[in-house]
């Protein structure tokens, strides 16, 4: 735990709370921990099926990555959790309307963010963009970023993270 804390910059206490299920970290945190452990982030929630060259995840079999949402109120569903070592991490994310938390995420790699439902206010560095249903932004995820719903109801997006 101390090694992971040193490699990520998180406290041992925070790592312990994540490990015990007392904290639900955002995906950016999971990516940093996975990198510190030299594993794919999917290792935290994958079910391996050796020999398959494709992996089908039925809608009813999607796994909640962050069960109760994060401090931002995000809820993630893994949509390719059965795939082993992969170059991309796809999720369906539910964003609450107007989060009280105003921090931004950053992590190595690239990211695709495609709005499935609702409108999203998207913060990217110093810019604020209004994304509507069907809009897509592809970006360098080392630049601080975050999205939030704007319509007074939850919004949903397909997010694909490609760690470097």
Foldseek 3Di string as FASTA:
>chain_A
DVQLCVQQVHDPVVVVCVVVVVAFDDVLSLCSSCVSVVADSLVVPADEDPPDPDAAADPVRWDWSRVQAHLQRKTWTFGRSHDGDDQKTKIKIKAFAPGPDDFFGAHAFKKKKAWQFAWKFKDWAPDTDIGGHGDMDIGGRRTTMDIHGHPNGITIIMMMTGHD
